[in-house]
N, C-alpha and C. Protein backbone atom coordinates (compact mmCIF):
# COMPACT_ATOMS: atom_id res chain seq x y z
N MET A 1 143.56 65.40 7.53
CA MET A 1 142.61 64.96 9.00
C MET A 1 142.18 63.71 8.70
N ILE A 2 142.48 63.04 9.87
CA ILE A 2 141.83 61.66 10.09
C ILE A 2 140.73 61.89 11.25
N GLU A 3 139.76 60.91 11.08
CA GLU A 3 138.72 60.83 12.19
C GLU A 3 138.59 59.51 12.47
N MET A 4 138.36 59.29 13.87
CA MET A 4 138.23 58.17 14.52
C MET A 4 137.50 58.29 15.89
N ASN A 5 136.91 57.12 16.33
CA ASN A 5 135.99 57.01 17.31
C ASN A 5 136.98 56.68 18.51
N VAL A 6 137.38 57.42 19.55
CA VAL A 6 138.26 56.70 20.69
C VAL A 6 137.44 56.97 21.74
N ASN A 7 137.27 55.54 22.57
CA ASN A 7 136.25 55.67 23.58
C ASN A 7 135.30 56.42 23.72
N GLY A 8 134.41 56.46 22.60
CA GLY A 8 133.38 56.64 22.45
C GLY A 8 132.96 58.40 22.04
N THR A 9 134.07 58.82 21.78
CA THR A 9 134.33 60.36 21.29
C THR A 9 134.94 60.33 19.81
N VAL A 10 134.36 61.13 19.13
CA VAL A 10 134.88 61.21 17.65
C VAL A 10 135.97 62.33 17.73
N HIS A 11 137.06 62.12 17.43
CA HIS A 11 138.33 63.18 17.08
C HIS A 11 138.44 63.18 15.72
N ARG A 12 138.75 64.33 15.28
CA ARG A 12 139.32 64.84 14.16
C ARG A 12 140.85 65.31 14.30
N LEU A 13 141.74 64.36 13.67
CA LEU A 13 143.09 64.81 14.28
C LEU A 13 143.83 65.25 13.09
N ASP A 14 144.65 66.10 12.95
CA ASP A 14 145.81 66.73 11.97
C ASP A 14 146.81 65.61 11.98
N VAL A 15 147.01 64.68 11.81
CA VAL A 15 148.26 63.84 12.00
C VAL A 15 148.68 63.31 10.34
N GLU A 16 150.13 62.97 10.17
CA GLU A 16 150.35 62.11 9.40
C GLU A 16 149.85 60.94 9.21
N ASP A 17 149.46 60.46 8.00
CA ASP A 17 148.59 59.35 7.82
C ASP A 17 149.39 58.12 8.12
N ASP A 18 150.80 58.04 8.32
CA ASP A 18 151.53 56.54 8.69
C ASP A 18 151.92 56.83 10.13
N THR A 19 151.66 57.95 10.81
CA THR A 19 151.83 57.86 12.45
C THR A 19 151.33 56.86 13.01
N PRO A 20 151.80 55.96 13.85
CA PRO A 20 151.32 54.87 14.54
C PRO A 20 150.17 55.35 15.47
N LEU A 21 149.30 54.49 15.45
CA LEU A 21 148.09 54.87 16.28
C LEU A 21 148.46 55.19 17.76
N LEU A 22 149.54 54.31 18.24
CA LEU A 22 149.90 54.38 19.60
C LEU A 22 150.27 55.82 19.89
N TRP A 23 150.92 56.53 18.90
CA TRP A 23 151.65 58.06 19.27
C TRP A 23 150.62 58.68 19.04
N VAL A 24 149.43 58.84 18.29
CA VAL A 24 148.21 59.76 18.17
C VAL A 24 147.43 59.34 19.43
N LEU A 25 147.44 58.33 19.99
CA LEU A 25 146.51 57.99 21.52
C LEU A 25 147.44 58.74 22.61
N ARG A 26 148.61 58.63 22.79
CA ARG A 26 149.56 59.25 23.64
C ARG A 26 149.73 60.48 23.58
N GLU A 27 150.30 60.87 22.18
CA GLU A 27 150.64 62.21 22.18
C GLU A 27 149.37 63.53 21.88
N GLN A 28 148.69 62.56 21.01
CA GLN A 28 147.56 63.57 20.57
C GLN A 28 146.34 63.89 21.44
N LEU A 29 146.02 62.63 22.18
CA LEU A 29 144.93 62.33 22.92
C LEU A 29 144.94 62.36 24.45
N GLY A 30 146.38 62.06 24.69
CA GLY A 30 146.87 62.13 26.21
C GLY A 30 146.09 60.91 26.95
N LEU A 31 146.19 60.07 26.33
CA LEU A 31 145.58 58.67 26.60
C LEU A 31 147.07 57.81 26.77
N THR A 32 147.59 57.88 27.97
CA THR A 32 148.80 57.25 28.40
C THR A 32 148.64 55.71 28.68
N GLY A 33 147.59 55.11 29.28
CA GLY A 33 147.45 53.95 29.65
C GLY A 33 147.83 52.59 28.74
N THR A 34 148.00 52.95 27.19
CA THR A 34 148.69 52.42 26.23
C THR A 34 150.07 52.52 26.12
N LYS A 35 150.92 51.56 26.44
CA LYS A 35 152.27 51.63 26.62
C LYS A 35 152.81 51.22 25.30
N TYR A 36 154.08 51.75 25.35
CA TYR A 36 155.35 51.39 24.29
C TYR A 36 156.13 50.19 24.89
N GLY A 37 156.33 49.15 23.96
CA GLY A 37 157.10 48.16 24.42
C GLY A 37 158.40 48.08 23.56
N CYS A 38 158.07 47.49 22.21
CA CYS A 38 158.85 47.16 21.39
C CYS A 38 159.02 48.33 20.16
N GLY A 39 157.74 48.43 19.69
CA GLY A 39 157.87 49.23 18.49
C GLY A 39 157.50 48.47 17.22
N VAL A 40 157.60 47.14 17.30
CA VAL A 40 157.48 46.20 16.06
C VAL A 40 156.43 45.22 16.37
N ALA A 41 155.19 45.53 17.00
CA ALA A 41 154.04 44.53 17.29
C ALA A 41 154.42 43.15 17.96
N GLN A 42 155.42 43.06 18.57
CA GLN A 42 155.67 41.82 19.30
C GLN A 42 155.28 41.56 20.57
N CYS A 43 155.63 42.52 21.42
CA CYS A 43 155.30 42.55 22.73
C CYS A 43 153.66 42.53 23.37
N GLY A 44 153.01 43.24 22.57
CA GLY A 44 151.78 43.33 22.94
C GLY A 44 151.37 44.91 24.08
N ALA A 45 152.43 45.34 24.56
CA ALA A 45 152.07 46.29 25.34
C ALA A 45 151.19 47.47 25.10
N CYS A 46 151.15 47.92 23.79
CA CYS A 46 150.52 48.56 22.91
C CYS A 46 149.17 48.30 22.52
N THR A 47 148.73 47.18 23.01
CA THR A 47 147.11 46.30 22.40
C THR A 47 146.08 47.20 22.84
N VAL A 48 145.35 47.66 21.84
CA VAL A 48 144.01 48.23 21.87
C VAL A 48 142.70 47.55 21.18
N LEU A 49 141.49 47.95 21.31
CA LEU A 49 140.58 47.33 20.50
C LEU A 49 140.24 48.07 19.31
N VAL A 50 140.08 47.58 18.27
CA VAL A 50 139.91 48.42 17.16
C VAL A 50 138.66 47.30 16.43
N ASP A 51 137.49 48.14 16.58
CA ASP A 51 136.42 47.65 16.17
C ASP A 51 136.24 46.05 16.91
N GLY A 52 136.55 46.28 18.16
CA GLY A 52 136.51 44.97 19.09
C GLY A 52 137.78 43.76 18.80
N GLU A 53 138.39 44.31 18.07
CA GLU A 53 139.63 43.23 17.73
C GLU A 53 141.06 43.71 18.31
N ALA A 54 141.65 42.96 19.00
CA ALA A 54 142.80 43.37 19.79
C ALA A 54 143.73 43.37 18.45
N MET A 55 144.61 44.73 18.55
CA MET A 55 145.72 44.90 17.83
C MET A 55 146.66 45.75 18.27
N ARG A 56 147.70 45.71 17.80
CA ARG A 56 149.04 46.26 18.34
C ARG A 56 148.97 47.69 17.55
N SER A 57 149.05 48.82 18.69
CA SER A 57 148.69 50.19 18.20
C SER A 57 150.10 50.82 17.45
N CYS A 58 151.48 50.09 17.83
CA CYS A 58 152.37 50.77 17.78
C CYS A 58 152.81 50.60 16.23
N SER A 59 152.21 49.53 15.48
CA SER A 59 152.19 49.07 14.22
C SER A 59 151.27 49.74 13.40
N LEU A 60 150.22 50.25 13.80
CA LEU A 60 148.71 50.24 12.96
C LEU A 60 148.89 52.03 12.68
N PRO A 61 149.14 52.23 11.49
CA PRO A 61 149.13 53.85 11.03
C PRO A 61 147.66 54.21 11.08
N ALA A 62 147.82 55.63 11.53
CA ALA A 62 146.50 56.54 11.69
C ALA A 62 145.46 56.31 10.72
N GLU A 63 145.83 56.39 9.64
CA GLU A 63 145.15 56.06 8.50
C GLU A 63 144.33 54.81 8.47
N ALA A 64 144.92 53.66 8.83
CA ALA A 64 144.16 52.36 8.95
C ALA A 64 143.14 52.49 9.99
N ALA A 65 143.36 53.18 11.25
CA ALA A 65 142.50 53.42 12.00
C ALA A 65 141.27 54.42 12.04
N ALA A 66 141.45 55.28 10.87
CA ALA A 66 140.43 56.33 10.47
C ALA A 66 139.13 55.48 10.29
N GLY A 67 138.01 56.39 10.74
CA GLY A 67 136.58 55.74 10.76
C GLY A 67 136.41 54.53 11.42
N ARG A 68 137.44 54.13 12.60
CA ARG A 68 137.13 52.95 13.09
C ARG A 68 136.85 53.26 14.65
N THR A 69 136.52 52.22 15.33
CA THR A 69 136.24 52.48 16.81
C THR A 69 137.41 51.78 17.62
N ILE A 70 137.98 52.66 18.58
CA ILE A 70 139.10 52.26 19.24
C ILE A 70 138.76 52.35 20.45
N THR A 71 138.88 51.27 21.51
CA THR A 71 139.00 51.23 22.84
C THR A 71 140.28 51.01 23.39
N THR A 72 140.52 52.06 24.52
CA THR A 72 141.84 51.86 24.87
C THR A 72 141.37 51.63 26.41
N ILE A 73 142.66 51.12 27.12
CA ILE A 73 142.43 50.72 28.82
C ILE A 73 141.75 51.82 29.57
N GLU A 74 141.54 53.10 29.17
CA GLU A 74 140.92 53.87 29.87
C GLU A 74 139.45 53.81 29.95
N ALA A 75 138.95 53.21 28.90
CA ALA A 75 137.56 52.85 28.75
C ALA A 75 137.00 51.53 28.67
N ILE A 76 137.77 50.64 29.04
CA ILE A 76 137.65 49.23 29.06
C ILE A 76 136.62 48.65 30.19
N GLU A 77 136.45 49.47 31.16
CA GLU A 77 135.57 49.15 32.05
C GLU A 77 134.06 49.52 31.87
N ASP A 78 134.03 50.06 30.66
CA ASP A 78 132.90 50.56 30.17
C ASP A 78 132.01 49.63 29.09
N HIS A 79 133.12 48.66 28.78
CA HIS A 79 132.83 47.39 28.01
C HIS A 79 132.43 46.26 29.04
N PRO A 80 131.39 45.68 28.68
CA PRO A 80 131.23 44.35 29.74
C PRO A 80 131.72 43.25 30.06
N VAL A 81 132.39 42.99 28.88
CA VAL A 81 133.56 42.06 29.10
C VAL A 81 134.53 42.55 29.97
N GLY A 82 135.24 43.76 29.41
CA GLY A 82 136.33 44.18 29.82
C GLY A 82 135.94 44.38 31.54
N ARG A 83 134.84 45.00 31.87
CA ARG A 83 134.51 45.33 33.44
C ARG A 83 135.01 43.90 34.17
N ARG A 84 134.26 42.62 33.55
CA ARG A 84 134.57 41.49 34.37
C ARG A 84 136.24 41.00 34.14
N VAL A 85 136.88 41.50 33.05
CA VAL A 85 138.04 40.99 33.05
C VAL A 85 139.30 41.77 34.26
N VAL A 86 139.07 43.06 34.24
CA VAL A 86 139.51 43.95 35.22
C VAL A 86 139.32 43.58 36.51
N GLU A 87 137.96 43.06 36.83
CA GLU A 87 137.45 42.61 38.25
C GLU A 87 138.21 41.37 38.63
N ALA A 88 138.37 40.36 37.64
CA ALA A 88 139.34 39.12 37.75
C ALA A 88 140.55 39.24 37.64
N TRP A 89 141.33 40.27 36.96
CA TRP A 89 142.57 40.67 37.18
C TRP A 89 142.90 41.16 38.60
N VAL A 90 142.11 41.90 39.19
CA VAL A 90 142.32 42.44 40.64
C VAL A 90 142.29 41.12 41.71
N GLU A 91 141.10 40.37 41.40
CA GLU A 91 141.25 39.22 42.35
C GLU A 91 142.26 38.34 42.16
N ALA A 92 142.46 38.09 41.09
CA ALA A 92 143.92 37.08 40.59
C ALA A 92 145.23 37.58 41.14
N GLN A 93 145.11 38.93 41.25
CA GLN A 93 146.10 39.58 41.60
C GLN A 93 147.34 39.23 40.38
N ALA A 94 146.69 39.45 39.18
CA ALA A 94 147.67 39.24 37.87
C ALA A 94 148.78 40.12 37.97
N PRO A 95 148.87 41.52 38.05
CA PRO A 95 150.02 42.21 37.64
C PRO A 95 151.14 42.14 38.60
N GLN A 96 152.43 41.96 38.36
CA GLN A 96 153.40 42.11 39.17
C GLN A 96 153.91 43.53 38.98
N CYS A 97 154.81 43.95 37.94
CA CYS A 97 155.23 45.31 37.99
C CYS A 97 154.01 46.07 37.08
N GLY A 98 153.30 45.61 36.39
CA GLY A 98 151.99 46.21 35.81
C GLY A 98 152.28 46.88 34.31
N TYR A 99 153.28 46.94 33.89
CA TYR A 99 153.43 47.52 32.53
C TYR A 99 152.92 47.06 31.43
N CYS A 100 152.71 45.61 31.45
CA CYS A 100 152.42 44.92 30.18
C CYS A 100 150.75 44.82 30.27
N GLN A 101 150.52 45.14 31.71
CA GLN A 101 148.88 44.84 32.18
C GLN A 101 148.01 45.53 31.03
N SER A 102 148.00 46.45 30.64
CA SER A 102 146.84 47.17 30.05
C SER A 102 146.96 46.49 28.69
N GLY A 103 147.67 46.37 27.86
CA GLY A 103 147.92 45.36 26.78
C GLY A 103 147.21 43.87 27.07
N GLN A 104 147.82 43.19 28.03
CA GLN A 104 147.05 42.00 28.66
C GLN A 104 145.67 41.97 28.61
N VAL A 105 145.09 43.11 29.58
CA VAL A 105 143.70 43.15 29.52
C VAL A 105 142.97 43.59 28.20
N MET A 106 143.57 44.10 27.26
CA MET A 106 142.89 44.54 26.27
C MET A 106 142.60 42.84 25.45
N ALA A 107 143.80 42.25 25.28
CA ALA A 107 143.94 41.06 24.53
C ALA A 107 142.67 40.03 25.19
N ALA A 108 142.67 39.78 26.60
CA ALA A 108 141.78 39.15 26.97
C ALA A 108 140.51 39.45 26.77
N THR A 109 140.36 41.10 27.04
CA THR A 109 138.67 41.37 26.68
C THR A 109 138.40 40.79 25.29
N ALA A 110 139.30 41.10 24.31
CA ALA A 110 138.86 40.60 22.82
C ALA A 110 138.70 39.29 22.96
N LEU A 111 139.52 38.42 23.48
CA LEU A 111 139.47 36.92 23.68
C LEU A 111 138.03 36.29 24.05
N LEU A 112 137.67 37.09 25.44
CA LEU A 112 136.51 36.65 25.84
C LEU A 112 135.20 37.11 25.16
N ALA A 113 135.37 38.36 24.57
CA ALA A 113 134.25 38.70 23.82
C ALA A 113 133.79 37.81 22.48
N ALA A 114 134.92 37.24 22.23
CA ALA A 114 134.89 36.50 20.98
C ALA A 114 134.42 34.89 21.28
N THR A 115 135.03 34.66 22.29
CA THR A 115 135.04 33.16 22.93
C THR A 115 134.66 33.33 24.18
N PRO A 116 133.45 33.46 24.88
CA PRO A 116 133.16 33.51 26.30
C PRO A 116 133.98 32.55 27.26
N LYS A 117 133.76 31.27 26.78
CA LYS A 117 134.42 29.95 27.42
C LYS A 117 135.64 29.53 26.81
N PRO A 118 136.55 30.16 26.86
CA PRO A 118 137.84 29.44 26.01
C PRO A 118 138.37 28.41 26.85
N THR A 119 139.10 27.48 26.04
CA THR A 119 139.69 26.29 26.70
C THR A 119 141.09 26.97 26.72
N PRO A 120 141.78 26.00 27.65
CA PRO A 120 143.30 26.63 27.94
C PRO A 120 144.12 26.66 26.53
N GLU A 121 143.87 25.98 25.43
CA GLU A 121 144.44 25.97 24.32
C GLU A 121 144.21 27.24 23.50
N GLU A 122 142.99 27.63 23.64
CA GLU A 122 142.38 28.97 22.96
C GLU A 122 143.05 30.26 23.59
N VAL A 123 143.21 30.05 25.07
CA VAL A 123 143.74 31.22 25.99
C VAL A 123 145.38 31.28 25.29
N GLY A 124 145.95 30.11 25.40
CA GLY A 124 147.33 30.37 25.14
C GLY A 124 147.70 30.67 23.63
N ALA A 125 146.68 30.60 22.68
CA ALA A 125 146.59 30.80 21.20
C ALA A 125 146.39 32.37 21.04
N ALA A 126 145.60 32.96 21.81
CA ALA A 126 145.25 34.28 21.84
C ALA A 126 145.79 34.87 22.56
N MET A 127 146.59 34.68 23.78
CA MET A 127 147.25 35.65 24.59
C MET A 127 148.86 35.42 24.33
N THR A 128 149.35 36.23 23.50
CA THR A 128 150.39 36.03 22.72
C THR A 128 151.36 37.36 23.33
N ASN A 129 150.67 38.32 24.41
CA ASN A 129 151.25 39.53 24.72
C ASN A 129 152.48 38.83 25.90
N ILE A 130 153.74 39.88 25.86
CA ILE A 130 155.05 39.31 26.63
C ILE A 130 154.64 39.94 27.98
N CYS A 131 155.05 39.35 28.91
CA CYS A 131 155.15 39.86 30.15
C CYS A 131 156.38 39.26 30.66
N ARG A 132 157.24 40.36 30.99
CA ARG A 132 158.68 40.36 31.52
C ARG A 132 158.76 39.86 32.83
N CYS A 133 157.91 39.96 33.70
CA CYS A 133 157.81 39.32 35.11
C CYS A 133 157.39 37.83 35.18
N GLY A 134 156.93 37.63 33.76
CA GLY A 134 156.06 35.91 34.06
C GLY A 134 155.00 35.60 34.67
N THR A 135 154.23 36.47 34.64
CA THR A 135 152.86 36.49 35.64
C THR A 135 151.60 35.64 34.49
N TYR A 136 152.26 34.94 33.66
CA TYR A 136 151.29 34.12 32.74
C TYR A 136 150.30 33.29 33.49
N ASN A 137 150.70 32.76 34.44
CA ASN A 137 149.79 31.76 35.38
C ASN A 137 148.63 32.50 36.04
N ALA A 138 148.99 33.61 36.50
CA ALA A 138 148.06 34.52 36.88
C ALA A 138 147.31 35.02 36.02
N ILE A 139 147.46 35.71 34.93
CA ILE A 139 146.99 36.05 33.96
C ILE A 139 145.86 35.10 33.63
N ALA A 140 146.30 33.85 33.22
CA ALA A 140 145.57 32.55 32.83
C ALA A 140 144.26 32.34 33.75
N ARG A 141 144.83 32.32 35.08
CA ARG A 141 143.90 32.50 36.28
C ARG A 141 142.61 33.61 36.12
N ALA A 142 143.17 34.73 35.99
CA ALA A 142 142.17 35.90 35.86
C ALA A 142 141.31 35.50 34.66
N ILE A 143 141.80 35.11 33.50
CA ILE A 143 141.02 34.87 32.28
C ILE A 143 140.09 33.81 32.80
N GLY A 144 140.43 32.59 33.27
CA GLY A 144 139.27 31.78 33.85
C GLY A 144 138.44 32.36 34.89
N LEU A 145 138.71 33.18 35.76
CA LEU A 145 137.62 33.84 36.70
C LEU A 145 136.56 34.54 35.77
N ALA A 146 137.11 35.37 34.81
CA ALA A 146 136.20 36.18 33.82
C ALA A 146 135.33 35.33 32.87
N ALA A 147 135.77 34.16 32.69
CA ALA A 147 135.14 33.50 31.82
C ALA A 147 133.87 32.67 32.61
N GLU A 148 134.20 32.50 34.02
CA GLU A 148 133.44 31.83 35.03
C GLU A 148 132.16 32.53 35.01
N ARG A 149 132.13 33.90 34.98
CA ARG A 149 131.22 35.11 35.27
C ARG A 149 130.54 35.47 34.02
N ALA A 150 131.17 34.84 32.85
CA ALA A 150 129.97 35.08 31.59
C ALA A 150 128.73 34.70 31.72
């Protein structure tokens, strides 16, 4: 049994220790906002917050998430920075197809929680998620809007 706090609720789960957190979230808990993209922690579609840090859930074993606090896109608006990020995302019309956006929002939330007024270089270094539609300028604009409201 593995115990983890997901979006404010403690769950006791009977899963294999090496099951990726992504599949625990999607299949065991029904939280499908976190997306599968590449399976090798490169694209960032599966990004969640683990103890406030952006992490790729497709490569994080459930055992490594045990006892930690996980926040997914479903609860990001309960996070004060996350709410600002979502509002800025809507205002900047950041998404195009939207598939990567939950991971992008999670990464931006972690960035702004750690660095409320990031420089463009800090944004570029922190936002390593891939957007196949190429909405990077809109994403950067949304991050800037959220930072202005800090």
